[in-house]
Amino acid sequence: PQDRSKASFFHKRSIEDSEIDWNWPAEDI
């Protein structure tokens, strides 16, 4: 069984999720 306390969730990806936001730290980009 999956341990839901260790799981993470993310919505279905969209094209906007691939856009770079230059206000993010370089490490995140």
mmCIF file of all heavy atoms, coordinates in Angstrom:
data_MODEL
# 
_entry.id   MODEL 
# 
loop_
_atom_site.group_PDB 
_atom_site.id 
_atom_site.type_symbol 
_atom_site.label_atom_id 
_atom_site.label_alt_id 
_atom_site.label_comp_id 
_atom_site.label_asym_id 
_atom_site.label_entity_id 
_atom_site.label_seq_id 
_atom_site.pdbx_PDB_ins_code 
_atom_site.Cartn_x 
_atom_site.Cartn_y 
_atom_site.Cartn_z 
_atom_site.occupancy 
_atom_site.B_iso_or_equiv 
_atom_site.pdbx_formal_charge 
_atom_site.auth_seq_id 
_atom_site.auth_comp_id 
_atom_site.auth_asym_id 
_atom_site.auth_atom_id 
_atom_site.pdbx_PDB_model_num 
ATOM 1   N N   . PRO A 1 1  ? 0.833  -1.209 0.000   1.00 0.00 ? 1  PRO A N   1 
ATOM 2   C CA  . PRO A 1 1  ? 0.000  0.000  0.000   1.00 0.00 ? 1  PRO A CA  1 
ATOM 3   C C   . PRO A 1 1  ? 0.868  1.259  0.000   1.00 0.00 ? 1  PRO A C   1 
ATOM 4   O O   . PRO A 1 1  ? 1.968  1.274  0.556   1.00 0.00 ? 1  PRO A O   1 
ATOM 5   C CB  . PRO A 1 1  ? -0.798 -0.110 1.295   1.00 0.00 ? 1  PRO A CB  1 
ATOM 6   C CG  . PRO A 1 1  ? -0.029 -1.054 2.152   1.00 0.00 ? 1  PRO A CG  1 
ATOM 7   C CD  . PRO A 1 1  ? 0.760  -1.950 1.245   1.00 0.00 ? 1  PRO A CD  1 
ATOM 8   N N   . GLN A 1 2  ? 0.363  2.293  -0.639  1.00 0.00 ? 2  GLN A N   1 
ATOM 9   C CA  . GLN A 1 2  ? 1.082  3.564  -0.665  1.00 0.00 ? 2  GLN A CA  1 
ATOM 10  C C   . GLN A 1 2  ? 0.911  4.258  0.677   1.00 0.00 ? 2  GLN A C   1 
ATOM 11  O O   . GLN A 1 2  ? -0.192 4.320  1.232   1.00 0.00 ? 2  GLN A O   1 
ATOM 12  C CB  . GLN A 1 2  ? 0.545  4.462  -1.773  1.00 0.00 ? 2  GLN A CB  1 
ATOM 13  C CG  . GLN A 1 2  ? 1.293  5.777  -1.864  1.00 0.00 ? 2  GLN A CG  1 
ATOM 14  C CD  . GLN A 1 2  ? 0.838  6.628  -3.039  1.00 0.00 ? 2  GLN A CD  1 
ATOM 15  O OE1 . GLN A 1 2  ? -0.147 6.320  -3.691  1.00 0.00 ? 2  GLN A OE1 1 
ATOM 16  N NE2 . GLN A 1 2  ? 1.549  7.699  -3.306  1.00 0.00 ? 2  GLN A NE2 1 
ATOM 17  N N   . ASP A 1 3  ? 2.001  4.773  1.202   1.00 0.00 ? 3  ASP A N   1 
ATOM 18  C CA  . ASP A 1 3  ? 1.965  5.552  2.434   1.00 0.00 ? 3  ASP A CA  1 
ATOM 19  C C   . ASP A 1 3  ? 1.612  6.987  2.048   1.00 0.00 ? 3  ASP A C   1 
ATOM 20  O O   . ASP A 1 3  ? 2.454  7.745  1.572   1.00 0.00 ? 3  ASP A O   1 
ATOM 21  C CB  . ASP A 1 3  ? 3.325  5.485  3.127   1.00 0.00 ? 3  ASP A CB  1 
ATOM 22  C CG  . ASP A 1 3  ? 3.362  6.259  4.435   1.00 0.00 ? 3  ASP A CG  1 
ATOM 23  O OD1 . ASP A 1 3  ? 2.400  7.017  4.726   1.00 0.00 ? 3  ASP A OD1 1 
ATOM 24  O OD2 . ASP A 1 3  ? 4.361  6.121  5.165   1.00 0.00 ? 3  ASP A OD2 1 
ATOM 25  N N   . ARG A 1 4  ? 0.368  7.358  2.224   1.00 0.00 ? 4  ARG A N   1 
ATOM 26  C CA  . ARG A 1 4  ? -0.091 8.683  1.787   1.00 0.00 ? 4  ARG A CA  1 
ATOM 27  C C   . ARG A 1 4  ? 0.608  9.821  2.526   1.00 0.00 ? 4  ARG A C   1 
ATOM 28  O O   . ARG A 1 4  ? 0.669  10.936 2.028   1.00 0.00 ? 4  ARG A O   1 
ATOM 29  C CB  . ARG A 1 4  ? -1.609 8.787  1.924   1.00 0.00 ? 4  ARG A CB  1 
ATOM 30  C CG  . ARG A 1 4  ? -2.314 7.886  0.901   1.00 0.00 ? 4  ARG A CG  1 
ATOM 31  C CD  . ARG A 1 4  ? -3.814 8.024  0.961   1.00 0.00 ? 4  ARG A CD  1 
ATOM 32  N NE  . ARG A 1 4  ? -4.307 9.304  0.480   1.00 0.00 ? 4  ARG A NE  1 
ATOM 33  C CZ  . ARG A 1 4  ? -4.548 9.597  -0.795  1.00 0.00 ? 4  ARG A CZ  1 
ATOM 34  N NH1 . ARG A 1 4  ? -4.328 8.707  -1.729  1.00 0.00 ? 4  ARG A NH1 1 
ATOM 35  N NH2 . ARG A 1 4  ? -5.033 10.763 -1.130  1.00 0.00 ? 4  ARG A NH2 1 
ATOM 36  N N   . SER A 1 5  ? 1.174  9.541  3.705   1.00 0.00 ? 5  SER A N   1 
ATOM 37  C CA  . SER A 1 5  ? 1.891  10.598 4.423   1.00 0.00 ? 5  SER A CA  1 
ATOM 38  C C   . SER A 1 5  ? 3.209  10.948 3.724   1.00 0.00 ? 5  SER A C   1 
ATOM 39  O O   . SER A 1 5  ? 3.775  12.010 3.963   1.00 0.00 ? 5  SER A O   1 
ATOM 40  C CB  . SER A 1 5  ? 2.163  10.183 5.868   1.00 0.00 ? 5  SER A CB  1 
ATOM 41  O OG  . SER A 1 5  ? 3.123  9.143  5.920   1.00 0.00 ? 5  SER A OG  1 
ATOM 42  N N   . LYS A 1 6  ? 3.694  10.052 2.858   1.00 0.00 ? 6  LYS A N   1 
ATOM 43  C CA  . LYS A 1 6  ? 4.924  10.314 2.115   1.00 0.00 ? 6  LYS A CA  1 
ATOM 44  C C   . LYS A 1 6  ? 4.655  10.697 0.668   1.00 0.00 ? 6  LYS A C   1 
ATOM 45  O O   . LYS A 1 6  ? 5.584  10.972 -0.087  1.00 0.00 ? 6  LYS A O   1 
ATOM 46  C CB  . LYS A 1 6  ? 5.823  9.078  2.149   1.00 0.00 ? 6  LYS A CB  1 
ATOM 47  C CG  . LYS A 1 6  ? 6.331  8.760  3.545   1.00 0.00 ? 6  LYS A CG  1 
ATOM 48  C CD  . LYS A 1 6  ? 7.205  7.529  3.523   1.00 0.00 ? 6  LYS A CD  1 
ATOM 49  C CE  . LYS A 1 6  ? 7.686  7.209  4.930   1.00 0.00 ? 6  LYS A CE  1 
ATOM 50  N NZ  . LYS A 1 6  ? 8.463  5.959  4.949   1.00 0.00 ? 6  LYS A NZ  1 
ATOM 51  N N   . ALA A 1 7  ? 3.401  10.702 0.278   1.00 0.00 ? 7  ALA A N   1 
ATOM 52  C CA  . ALA A 1 7  ? 3.034  11.010 -1.103  1.00 0.00 ? 7  ALA A CA  1 
ATOM 53  C C   . ALA A 1 7  ? 2.936  12.517 -1.308  1.00 0.00 ? 7  ALA A C   1 
ATOM 54  O O   . ALA A 1 7  ? 2.706  13.280 -0.368  1.00 0.00 ? 7  ALA A O   1 
ATOM 55  C CB  . ALA A 1 7  ? 1.696  10.352 -1.448  1.00 0.00 ? 7  ALA A CB  1 
ATOM 56  N N   . SER A 1 8  ? 3.129  12.930 -2.538  1.00 0.00 ? 8  SER A N   1 
ATOM 57  C CA  . SER A 1 8  ? 2.889  14.319 -2.898  1.00 0.00 ? 8  SER A CA  1 
ATOM 58  C C   . SER A 1 8  ? 1.957  14.314 -4.105  1.00 0.00 ? 8  SER A C   1 
ATOM 59  O O   . SER A 1 8  ? 1.853  13.323 -4.816  1.00 0.00 ? 8  SER A O   1 
ATOM 60  C CB  . SER A 1 8  ? 4.199  15.049 -3.225  1.00 0.00 ? 8  SER A CB  1 
ATOM 61  O OG  . SER A 1 8  ? 4.852  14.427 -4.299  1.00 0.00 ? 8  SER A OG  1 
ATOM 62  N N   . PHE A 1 9  ? 1.278  15.408 -4.298  1.00 0.00 ? 9  PHE A N   1 
ATOM 63  C CA  . PHE A 1 9  ? 0.272  15.477 -5.343  1.00 0.00 ? 9  PHE A CA  1 
ATOM 64  C C   . PHE A 1 9  ? 0.501  16.715 -6.185  1.00 0.00 ? 9  PHE A C   1 
ATOM 65  O O   . PHE A 1 9  ? 0.914  17.752 -5.680  1.00 0.00 ? 9  PHE A O   1 
ATOM 66  C CB  . PHE A 1 9  ? -1.132 15.506 -4.723  1.00 0.00 ? 9  PHE A CB  1 
ATOM 67  C CG  . PHE A 1 9  ? -1.407 14.298 -3.878  1.00 0.00 ? 9  PHE A CG  1 
ATOM 68  C CD1 . PHE A 1 9  ? -1.107 14.295 -2.527  1.00 0.00 ? 9  PHE A CD1 1 
ATOM 69  C CD2 . PHE A 1 9  ? -1.938 13.154 -4.444  1.00 0.00 ? 9  PHE A CD2 1 
ATOM 70  C CE1 . PHE A 1 9  ? -1.340 13.173 -1.755  1.00 0.00 ? 9  PHE A CE1 1 
ATOM 71  C CE2 . PHE A 1 9  ? -2.173 12.028 -3.685  1.00 0.00 ? 9  PHE A CE2 1 
ATOM 72  C CZ  . PHE A 1 9  ? -1.876 12.033 -2.338  1.00 0.00 ? 9  PHE A CZ  1 
ATOM 73  N N   . PHE A 1 10 ? 0.228  16.585 -7.474  1.00 0.00 ? 10 PHE A N   1 
ATOM 74  C CA  . PHE A 1 10 ? 0.374  17.707 -8.394  1.00 0.00 ? 10 PHE A CA  1 
ATOM 75  C C   . PHE A 1 10 ? -0.720 17.574 -9.437  1.00 0.00 ? 10 PHE A C   1 
ATOM 76  O O   . PHE A 1 10 ? -0.997 16.469 -9.904  1.00 0.00 ? 10 PHE A O   1 
ATOM 77  C CB  . PHE A 1 10 ? 1.756  17.659 -9.074  1.00 0.00 ? 10 PHE A CB  1 
ATOM 78  C CG  . PHE A 1 10 ? 2.146  18.956 -9.722  1.00 0.00 ? 10 PHE A CG  1 
ATOM 79  C CD1 . PHE A 1 10 ? 2.806  19.928 -8.998  1.00 0.00 ? 10 PHE A CD1 1 
ATOM 80  C CD2 . PHE A 1 10 ? 1.864  19.205 -11.053 1.00 0.00 ? 10 PHE A CD2 1 
ATOM 81  C CE1 . PHE A 1 10 ? 3.180  21.134 -9.589  1.00 0.00 ? 10 PHE A CE1 1 
ATOM 82  C CE2 . PHE A 1 10 ? 2.221  20.394 -11.656 1.00 0.00 ? 10 PHE A CE2 1 
ATOM 83  C CZ  . PHE A 1 10 ? 2.883  21.359 -10.918 1.00 0.00 ? 10 PHE A CZ  1 
ATOM 84  N N   . HIS A 1 11 ? -1.333 18.692 -9.785  1.00 0.00 ? 11 HIS A N   1 
ATOM 85  C CA  . HIS A 1 11 ? -2.409 18.655 -10.781 1.00 0.00 ? 11 HIS A CA  1 
ATOM 86  C C   . HIS A 1 11 ? -1.862 18.221 -12.133 1.00 0.00 ? 11 HIS A C   1 
ATOM 87  O O   . HIS A 1 11 ? -0.647 18.177 -12.350 1.00 0.00 ? 11 HIS A O   1 
ATOM 88  C CB  . HIS A 1 11 ? -3.079 20.031 -10.901 1.00 0.00 ? 11 HIS A CB  1 
ATOM 89  C CG  . HIS A 1 11 ? -2.138 21.124 -11.332 1.00 0.00 ? 11 HIS A CG  1 
ATOM 90  N ND1 . HIS A 1 11 ? -1.787 21.320 -12.645 1.00 0.00 ? 11 HIS A ND1 1 
ATOM 91  C CD2 . HIS A 1 11 ? -1.466 22.051 -10.618 1.00 0.00 ? 11 HIS A CD2 1 
ATOM 92  C CE1 . HIS A 1 11 ? -0.945 22.339 -12.735 1.00 0.00 ? 11 HIS A CE1 1 
ATOM 93  N NE2 . HIS A 1 11 ? -0.728 22.792 -11.510 1.00 0.00 ? 11 HIS A NE2 1 
ATOM 94  N N   . LYS A 1 12 ? -2.746 17.899 -13.042 1.00 0.00 ? 12 LYS A N   1 
ATOM 95  C CA  . LYS A 1 12 ? -2.334 17.530 -14.389 1.00 0.00 ? 12 LYS A CA  1 
ATOM 96  C C   . LYS A 1 12 ? -1.543 18.694 -14.985 1.00 0.00 ? 12 LYS A C   1 
ATOM 97  O O   . LYS A 1 12 ? -1.957 19.843 -14.910 1.00 0.00 ? 12 LYS A O   1 
ATOM 98  C CB  . LYS A 1 12 ? -3.566 17.235 -15.254 1.00 0.00 ? 12 LYS A CB  1 
ATOM 99  C CG  . LYS A 1 12 ? -3.221 16.822 -16.655 1.00 0.00 ? 12 LYS A CG  1 
ATOM 100 C CD  . LYS A 1 12 ? -4.465 16.513 -17.466 1.00 0.00 ? 12 LYS A CD  1 
ATOM 101 C CE  . LYS A 1 12 ? -4.096 16.186 -18.889 1.00 0.00 ? 12 LYS A CE  1 
ATOM 102 N NZ  . LYS A 1 12 ? -5.274 15.937 -19.711 1.00 0.00 ? 12 LYS A NZ  1 
ATOM 103 N N   . ARG A 1 13 ? -0.396 18.379 -15.551 1.00 0.00 ? 13 ARG A N   1 
ATOM 104 C CA  . ARG A 1 13 ? 0.472  19.424 -16.101 1.00 0.00 ? 13 ARG A CA  1 
ATOM 105 C C   . ARG A 1 13 ? -0.194 20.138 -17.264 1.00 0.00 ? 13 ARG A C   1 
ATOM 106 O O   . ARG A 1 13 ? -0.904 19.530 -18.058 1.00 0.00 ? 13 ARG A O   1 
ATOM 107 C CB  . ARG A 1 13 ? 1.796  18.824 -16.558 1.00 0.00 ? 13 ARG A CB  1 
ATOM 108 C CG  . ARG A 1 13 ? 2.587  18.309 -15.359 1.00 0.00 ? 13 ARG A CG  1 
ATOM 109 C CD  . ARG A 1 13 ? 4.044  18.183 -15.616 1.00 0.00 ? 13 ARG A CD  1 
ATOM 110 N NE  . ARG A 1 13 ? 4.684  19.411 -16.025 1.00 0.00 ? 13 ARG A NE  1 
ATOM 111 C CZ  . ARG A 1 13 ? 5.123  20.362 -15.204 1.00 0.00 ? 13 ARG A CZ  1 
ATOM 112 N NH1 . ARG A 1 13 ? 4.948  20.252 -13.919 1.00 0.00 ? 13 ARG A NH1 1 
ATOM 113 N NH2 . ARG A 1 13 ? 5.726  21.421 -15.672 1.00 0.00 ? 13 ARG A NH2 1 
ATOM 114 N N   . SER A 1 14 ? 0.073  21.423 -17.347 1.00 0.00 ? 14 SER A N   1 
ATOM 115 C CA  . SER A 1 14 ? -0.397 22.224 -18.470 1.00 0.00 ? 14 SER A CA  1 
ATOM 116 C C   . SER A 1 14 ? 0.818  22.959 -19.036 1.00 0.00 ? 14 SER A C   1 
ATOM 117 O O   . SER A 1 14 ? 1.889  22.983 -18.418 1.00 0.00 ? 14 SER A O   1 
ATOM 118 C CB  . SER A 1 14 ? -1.462 23.224 -18.020 1.00 0.00 ? 14 SER A CB  1 
ATOM 119 O OG  . SER A 1 14 ? -0.881 24.197 -17.181 1.00 0.00 ? 14 SER A OG  1 
ATOM 120 N N   . ILE A 1 15 ? 0.663  23.572 -20.168 1.00 0.00 ? 15 ILE A N   1 
ATOM 121 C CA  . ILE A 1 15 ? 1.781  24.271 -20.805 1.00 0.00 ? 15 ILE A CA  1 
ATOM 122 C C   . ILE A 1 15 ? 2.311  25.396 -19.907 1.00 0.00 ? 15 ILE A C   1 
ATOM 123 O O   . ILE A 1 15 ? 3.509  25.673 -19.884 1.00 0.00 ? 15 ILE A O   1 
ATOM 124 C CB  . ILE A 1 15 ? 1.392  24.792 -22.215 1.00 0.00 ? 15 ILE A CB  1 
ATOM 125 C CG1 . ILE A 1 15 ? 2.640  25.210 -22.997 1.00 0.00 ? 15 ILE A CG1 1 
ATOM 126 C CG2 . ILE A 1 15 ? 0.392  25.926 -22.139 1.00 0.00 ? 15 ILE A CG2 1 
ATOM 127 C CD1 . ILE A 1 15 ? 3.562  24.085 -23.364 1.00 0.00 ? 15 ILE A CD1 1 
ATOM 128 N N   . GLU A 1 16 ? 1.435  25.989 -19.126 1.00 0.00 ? 16 GLU A N   1 
ATOM 129 C CA  . GLU A 1 16 ? 1.866  27.071 -18.229 1.00 0.00 ? 16 GLU A CA  1 
ATOM 130 C C   . GLU A 1 16 ? 2.858  26.589 -17.173 1.00 0.00 ? 16 GLU A C   1 
ATOM 131 O O   . GLU A 1 16 ? 3.659  27.367 -16.661 1.00 0.00 ? 16 GLU A O   1 
ATOM 132 C CB  . GLU A 1 16 ? 0.656  27.726 -17.547 1.00 0.00 ? 16 GLU A CB  1 
ATOM 133 C CG  . GLU A 1 16 ? -0.202 28.556 -18.476 1.00 0.00 ? 16 GLU A CG  1 
ATOM 134 C CD  . GLU A 1 16 ? -1.187 27.730 -19.305 1.00 0.00 ? 16 GLU A CD  1 
ATOM 135 O OE1 . GLU A 1 16 ? -1.376 26.533 -19.018 1.00 0.00 ? 16 GLU A OE1 1 
ATOM 136 O OE2 . GLU A 1 16 ? -1.757 28.288 -20.258 1.00 0.00 ? 16 GLU A OE2 1 
ATOM 137 N N   . ASP A 1 17 ? 2.815  25.303 -16.859 1.00 0.00 ? 17 ASP A N   1 
ATOM 138 C CA  . ASP A 1 17 ? 3.741  24.758 -15.866 1.00 0.00 ? 17 ASP A CA  1 
ATOM 139 C C   . ASP A 1 17 ? 5.169  24.696 -16.381 1.00 0.00 ? 17 ASP A C   1 
ATOM 140 O O   . ASP A 1 17 ? 6.100  24.501 -15.603 1.00 0.00 ? 17 ASP A O   1 
ATOM 141 C CB  . ASP A 1 17 ? 3.294  23.357 -15.432 1.00 0.00 ? 17 ASP A CB  1 
ATOM 142 C CG  . ASP A 1 17 ? 1.963  23.381 -14.718 1.00 0.00 ? 17 ASP A CG  1 
ATOM 143 O OD1 . ASP A 1 17 ? 1.764  24.275 -13.879 1.00 0.00 ? 17 ASP A OD1 1 
ATOM 144 O OD2 . ASP A 1 17 ? 1.126  22.519 -15.015 1.00 0.00 ? 17 ASP A OD2 1 
ATOM 145 N N   . SER A 1 18 ? 5.362  24.844 -17.682 1.00 0.00 ? 18 SER A N   1 
ATOM 146 C CA  . SER A 1 18 ? 6.701  24.805 -18.274 1.00 0.00 ? 18 SER A CA  1 
ATOM 147 C C   . SER A 1 18 ? 7.278  26.198 -18.512 1.00 0.00 ? 18 SER A C   1 
ATOM 148 O O   . SER A 1 18 ? 8.421  26.331 -18.925 1.00 0.00 ? 18 SER A O   1 
ATOM 149 C CB  . SER A 1 18 ? 6.663  24.048 -19.607 1.00 0.00 ? 18 SER A CB  1 
ATOM 150 O OG  . SER A 1 18 ? 6.274  22.718 -19.404 1.00 0.00 ? 18 SER A OG  1 
ATOM 151 N N   . GLU A 1 19 ? 6.487  27.235 -18.267 1.00 0.00 ? 19 GLU A N   1 
ATOM 152 C CA  . GLU A 1 19 ? 6.967  28.604 -18.459 1.00 0.00 ? 19 GLU A CA  1 
ATOM 153 C C   . GLU A 1 19 ? 7.923  28.983 -17.337 1.00 0.00 ? 19 GLU A C   1 
ATOM 154 O O   . GLU A 1 19 ? 7.643  28.753 -16.164 1.00 0.00 ? 19 GLU A O   1 
ATOM 155 C CB  . GLU A 1 19 ? 5.805  29.597 -18.423 1.00 0.00 ? 19 GLU A CB  1 
ATOM 156 C CG  . GLU A 1 19 ? 4.977  29.623 -19.669 1.00 0.00 ? 19 GLU A CG  1 
ATOM 157 C CD  . GLU A 1 19 ? 3.892  30.664 -19.590 1.00 0.00 ? 19 GLU A CD  1 
ATOM 158 O OE1 . GLU A 1 19 ? 3.013  30.527 -18.716 1.00 0.00 ? 19 GLU A OE1 1 
ATOM 159 O OE2 . GLU A 1 19 ? 3.931  31.606 -20.388 1.00 0.00 ? 19 GLU A OE2 1 
ATOM 160 N N   . ILE A 1 20 ? 9.035  29.574 -17.699 1.00 0.00 ? 20 ILE A N   1 
ATOM 161 C CA  . ILE A 1 20 ? 10.024 29.995 -16.716 1.00 0.00 ? 20 ILE A CA  1 
ATOM 162 C C   . ILE A 1 20 ? 9.594  31.325 -16.107 1.00 0.00 ? 20 ILE A C   1 
ATOM 163 O O   . ILE A 1 20 ? 9.260  32.269 -16.809 1.00 0.00 ? 20 ILE A O   1 
ATOM 164 C CB  . ILE A 1 20 ? 11.416 30.132 -17.364 1.00 0.00 ? 20 ILE A CB  1 
ATOM 165 C CG1 . ILE A 1 20 ? 11.888 28.754 -17.834 1.00 0.00 ? 20 ILE A CG1 1 
ATOM 166 C CG2 . ILE A 1 20 ? 12.402 30.767 -16.387 1.00 0.00 ? 20 ILE A CG2 1 
ATOM 167 C CD1 . ILE A 1 20 ? 13.165 28.787 -18.653 1.00 0.00 ? 20 ILE A CD1 1 
ATOM 168 N N   . ASP A 1 21 ? 9.610  31.381 -14.791 1.00 0.00 ? 21 ASP A N   1 
ATOM 169 C CA  . ASP A 1 21 ? 9.342  32.610 -14.043 1.00 0.00 ? 21 ASP A CA  1 
ATOM 170 C C   . ASP A 1 21 ? 10.690 33.101 -13.526 1.00 0.00 ? 21 ASP A C   1 
ATOM 171 O O   . ASP A 1 21 ? 11.295 32.476 -12.651 1.00 0.00 ? 21 ASP A O   1 
ATOM 172 C CB  . ASP A 1 21 ? 8.386  32.329 -12.886 1.00 0.00 ? 21 ASP A CB  1 
ATOM 173 C CG  . ASP A 1 21 ? 8.015  33.569 -12.102 1.00 0.00 ? 21 ASP A CG  1 
ATOM 174 O OD1 . ASP A 1 21 ? 8.763  34.580 -12.156 1.00 0.00 ? 21 ASP A OD1 1 
ATOM 175 O OD2 . ASP A 1 21 ? 6.991  33.528 -11.404 1.00 0.00 ? 21 ASP A OD2 1 
ATOM 176 N N   . TRP A 1 22 ? 11.184 34.196 -14.063 1.00 0.00 ? 22 TRP A N   1 
ATOM 177 C CA  . TRP A 1 22 ? 12.523 34.681 -13.739 1.00 0.00 ? 22 TRP A CA  1 
ATOM 178 C C   . TRP A 1 22 ? 12.631 35.234 -12.332 1.00 0.00 ? 22 TRP A C   1 
ATOM 179 O O   . TRP A 1 22 ? 13.739 35.534 -11.872 1.00 0.00 ? 22 TRP A O   1 
ATOM 180 C CB  . TRP A 1 22 ? 12.978 35.692 -14.789 1.00 0.00 ? 22 TRP A CB  1 
ATOM 181 C CG  . TRP A 1 22 ? 13.141 34.996 -16.099 1.00 0.00 ? 22 TRP A CG  1 
ATOM 182 C CD1 . TRP A 1 22 ? 12.301 35.044 -17.173 1.00 0.00 ? 22 TRP A CD1 1 
ATOM 183 C CD2 . TRP A 1 22 ? 14.156 34.056 -16.434 1.00 0.00 ? 22 TRP A CD2 1 
ATOM 184 N NE1 . TRP A 1 22 ? 12.745 34.196 -18.158 1.00 0.00 ? 22 TRP A NE1 1 
ATOM 185 C CE2 . TRP A 1 22 ? 13.890 33.574 -17.735 1.00 0.00 ? 22 TRP A CE2 1 
ATOM 186 C CE3 . TRP A 1 22 ? 15.277 33.562 -15.758 1.00 0.00 ? 22 TRP A CE3 1 
ATOM 187 C CZ2 . TRP A 1 22 ? 14.702 32.639 -18.367 1.00 0.00 ? 22 TRP A CZ2 1 
ATOM 188 C CZ3 . TRP A 1 22 ? 16.080 32.640 -16.391 1.00 0.00 ? 22 TRP A CZ3 1 
ATOM 189 C CH2 . TRP A 1 22 ? 15.791 32.187 -17.674 1.00 0.00 ? 22 TRP A CH2 1 
ATOM 190 N N   . ASN A 1 23 ? 11.512 35.337 -11.609 1.00 0.00 ? 23 ASN A N   1 
ATOM 191 C CA  . ASN A 1 23 ? 11.564 35.723 -10.199 1.00 0.00 ? 23 ASN A CA  1 
ATOM 192 C C   . ASN A 1 23 ? 11.919 34.542 -9.304  1.00 0.00 ? 23 ASN A C   1 
ATOM 193 O O   . ASN A 1 23 ? 12.212 34.723 -8.132  1.00 0.00 ? 23 ASN A O   1 
ATOM 194 C CB  . ASN A 1 23 ? 10.232 36.338 -9.756  1.00 0.00 ? 23 ASN A CB  1 
ATOM 195 C CG  . ASN A 1 23 ? 10.029 37.695 -10.383 1.00 0.00 ? 23 ASN A CG  1 
ATOM 196 O OD1 . ASN A 1 23 ? 10.851 38.584 -10.203 1.00 0.00 ? 23 ASN A OD1 1 
ATOM 197 N ND2 . ASN A 1 23 ? 8.969  37.845 -11.152 1.00 0.00 ? 23 ASN A ND2 1 
ATOM 198 N N   . TRP A 1 24 ? 11.868 33.339 -9.846  1.00 0.00 ? 24 TRP A N   1 
ATOM 199 C CA  . TRP A 1 24 ? 12.287 32.163 -9.080  1.00 0.00 ? 24 TRP A CA  1 
ATOM 200 C C   . TRP A 1 24 ? 13.803 32.185 -8.906  1.00 0.00 ? 24 TRP A C   1 
ATOM 201 O O   . TRP A 1 24 ? 14.533 32.695 -9.766  1.00 0.00 ? 24 TRP A O   1 
ATOM 202 C CB  . TRP A 1 24 ? 11.926 30.900 -9.819  1.00 0.00 ? 24 TRP A CB  1 
ATOM 203 C CG  . TRP A 1 24 ? 10.494 30.505 -9.865  1.00 0.00 ? 24 TRP A CG  1 
ATOM 204 C CD1 . TRP A 1 24 ? 9.408  31.224 -9.475  1.00 0.00 ? 24 TRP A CD1 1 
ATOM 205 C CD2 . TRP A 1 24 ? 9.989  29.275 -10.373 1.00 0.00 ? 24 TRP A CD2 1 
ATOM 206 N NE1 . TRP A 1 24 ? 8.266  30.507 -9.701  1.00 0.00 ? 24 TRP A NE1 1 
ATOM 207 C CE2 . TRP A 1 24 ? 8.601  29.305 -10.257 1.00 0.00 ? 24 TRP A CE2 1 
ATOM 208 C CE3 . TRP A 1 24 ? 10.594 28.145 -10.924 1.00 0.00 ? 24 TRP A CE3 1 
ATOM 209 C CZ2 . TRP A 1 24 ? 7.793  28.249 -10.657 1.00 0.00 ? 24 TRP A CZ2 1 
ATOM 210 C CZ3 . TRP A 1 24 ? 9.797  27.088 -11.324 1.00 0.00 ? 24 TRP A CZ3 1 
ATOM 211 C CH2 . TRP A 1 24 ? 8.418  27.142 -11.177 1.00 0.00 ? 24 TRP A CH2 1 
ATOM 212 N N   . PRO A 1 25 ? 14.309 31.551 -7.851  1.00 0.00 ? 25 PRO A N   1 
ATOM 213 C CA  . PRO A 1 25 ? 15.764 31.399 -7.720  1.00 0.00 ? 25 PRO A CA  1 
ATOM 214 C C   . PRO A 1 25 ? 16.314 30.559 -8.877  1.00 0.00 ? 25 PRO A C   1 
ATOM 215 O O   . PRO A 1 25 ? 15.644 29.651 -9.386  1.00 0.00 ? 25 PRO A O   1 
ATOM 216 C CB  . PRO A 1 25 ? 15.932 30.656 -6.396  1.00 0.00 ? 25 PRO A CB  1 
ATOM 217 C CG  . PRO A 1 25 ? 14.635 30.833 -5.666  1.00 0.00 ? 25 PRO A CG  1 
ATOM 218 C CD  . PRO A 1 25 ? 13.579 31.000 -6.720  1.00 0.00 ? 25 PRO A CD  1 
ATOM 219 N N   . ALA A 1 26 ? 17.540 30.842 -9.280  1.00 0.00 ? 26 ALA A N   1 
ATOM 220 C CA  . ALA A 1 26 ? 18.172 30.111 -10.383 1.00 0.00 ? 26 ALA A CA  1 
ATOM 221 C C   . ALA A 1 26 ? 18.180 28.605 -10.125 1.00 0.00 ? 26 ALA A C   1 
ATOM 222 O O   . ALA A 1 26 ? 18.022 27.815 -11.065 1.00 0.00 ? 26 ALA A O   1 
ATOM 223 C CB  . ALA A 1 26 ? 19.595 30.624 -10.595 1.00 0.00 ? 26 ALA A CB  1 
ATOM 224 N N   . GLU A 1 27 ? 18.351 28.190 -8.882  1.00 0.00 ? 27 GLU A N   1 
ATOM 225 C CA  . GLU A 1 27 ? 18.371 26.764 -8.558  1.00 0.00 ? 27 GLU A CA  1 
ATOM 226 C C   . GLU A 1 27 ? 17.048 26.103 -8.941  1.00 0.00 ? 27 GLU A C   1 
ATOM 227 O O   . GLU A 1 27 ? 17.034 24.989 -9.471  1.00 0.00 ? 27 GLU A O   1 
ATOM 228 C CB  . GLU A 1 27 ? 18.632 26.544 -7.055  1.00 0.00 ? 27 GLU A CB  1 
ATOM 229 C CG  . GLU A 1 27 ? 20.005 26.994 -6.596  1.00 0.00 ? 27 GLU A CG  1 
ATOM 230 C CD  . GLU A 1 27 ? 20.092 28.486 -6.254  1.00 0.00 ? 27 GLU A CD  1 
ATOM 231 O OE1 . GLU A 1 27 ? 19.096 29.243 -6.437  1.00 0.00 ? 27 GLU A OE1 1 
ATOM 232 O OE2 . GLU A 1 27 ? 21.186 28.911 -5.837  1.00 0.00 ? 27 GLU A OE2 1 
ATOM 233 N N   . ASP A 1 28 ? 15.940 26.774 -8.675  1.00 0.00 ? 28 ASP A N   1 
ATOM 234 C CA  . ASP A 1 28 ? 14.626 26.226 -9.007  1.00 0.00 ? 28 ASP A CA  1 
ATOM 235 C C   . ASP A 1 28 ? 14.404 26.194 -10.520 1.00 0.00 ? 28 ASP A C   1 
ATOM 236 O O   . ASP A 1 28 ? 13.815 25.247 -11.046 1.00 0.00 ? 28 ASP A O   1 
ATOM 237 C CB  . ASP A 1 28 ? 13.509 27.044 -8.345  1.00 0.00 ? 28 ASP A CB  1 
ATOM 238 C CG  . ASP A 1 28 ? 13.469 26.861 -6.837  1.00 0.00 ? 28 ASP A CG  1 
ATOM 239 O OD1 . ASP A 1 28 ? 14.184 25.979 -6.308  1.00 0.00 ? 28 ASP A OD1 1 
ATOM 240 O OD2 . ASP A 1 28 ? 12.732 27.612 -6.175  1.00 0.00 ? 28 ASP A OD2 1 
ATOM 241 N N   . ILE A 1 29 ? 14.871 27.218 -11.217 1.00 0.00 ? 29 ILE A N   1 
ATOM 242 C CA  . ILE A 1 29 ? 14.714 27.238 -12.672 1.00 0.00 ? 29 ILE A CA  1 
ATOM 243 C C   . ILE A 1 29 ? 15.554 26.130 -13.305 1.00 0.00 ? 29 ILE A C   1 
ATOM 244 O O   . ILE A 1 29 ? 15.107 25.449 -14.232 1.00 0.00 ? 29 ILE A O   1 
ATOM 245 C CB  . ILE A 1 29 ? 15.072 28.617 -13.259 1.00 0.00 ? 29 ILE A CB  1 
ATOM 246 C CG1 . ILE A 1 29 ? 14.157 29.703 -12.671 1.00 0.00 ? 29 ILE A CG1 1 
ATOM 247 C CG2 . ILE A 1 29 ? 14.953 28.592 -14.785 1.00 0.00 ? 29 ILE A CG2 1 
ATOM 248 C CD1 . ILE A 1 29 ? 14.573 31.126 -13.028 1.00 0.00 ? 29 ILE A CD1 1 
# 
